[in-house]
Amino acid sequence: MKKVINQIGKALEYLDKLGTGKSFQLFRSLGYEKLYSLSEKVDHKTLLYISQNLDEKTIVEFLNRIPEETLVTLLSTVRPGDITYFANSIPMDDLVLLSTSIPAVDIAEMSLKTGKESSAELLKNIGTRKSIDLLNEVGIQNFIQLSLKIPPTQLIPVIRELTPQQSGVWIRKRGIGDIPRLIEAFGVQNLLVFLRTLGFEKNIHIMDVLGLEELIELAYTISGMKLPGKSSSDRNSKGSRSGSGSSSKKTPKKKTKVKKKSSSTSKKKRKPGKPA
């Protein structure tokens, strides 16, 4: 009897907080048994909150498509506001793929430590499939540490440049300290040029041989050298001369004949009667 009264009380609370239309939509789409089962395993006020802050289609898909065990872990661990942020920011297909590929405790930890905005930005810009492969390769703790040390706007281009396998090799072999230090020393764009020019394997080999700080010092030294050969100004002047072609040659000016004025017109006529 007590259980029945409890169920009725929760049903009335749903009706009161969500309104009749949305409440019946949830009951019809999910089934009251499933909704009540979730309410027994997690704080039903959390369910009420996300139901209030998601539209009917999204909340039904979220509760139906994500496995119940994962739902219970997420709803019990992640802040309700963060859950609604993810559900509104990331396509449902991607959320389902993530929740069925990565342990729920890892997803919850990433959300709590990295923050909802950074987590969503990383997932959207790296891609869900690649993010899953990356997390499996480098480990959730290493990824969280990287995301805390490097802003998403700097971390995303580097991750996109490397394959998940390369990222895994780098971190397993050398740890997570290289990437933040290289970004600090070179800047993101210069680091990308460095990776593209030498290739991943050669970069790792050079860091192993020289050491990270020695590599950075060498790069600074080379950048300050005045190397022999044509300077950039020489090349530019040569290019401008070759580009101008025959236009640099002087073209002979045509001589124009100047007509001399006749003496009769140049002298003034004397008035008659006056001596010269």
Foldseek 3Di string as FASTA:
>chain_A
DVVVVVLVVLLVVLCVLVNDVLSVLCCVLPNSVLLVVLVVLAPVVLVSVLSNLDDSVLSSLVSPLQDPVLVSLCSRQADSVLVSVCSVLPDSVLVSVLRVLDPSVLVSVLCVQLHSVQVSLLCVLQDSVQVSLLCVLQPSVLVSVLSVLDPSVLVSVVSNLDGSNLVSVCCVPPNNPQPSVCCVLQNRVRVSVVCVPQHSVVVSVVCVVQNRVSVSVVVVVVVPDPDDDDDPVNVVVVVVVVVCPPVPDDDDDDDDDDDDDDPVVVDDDDDPPDDD
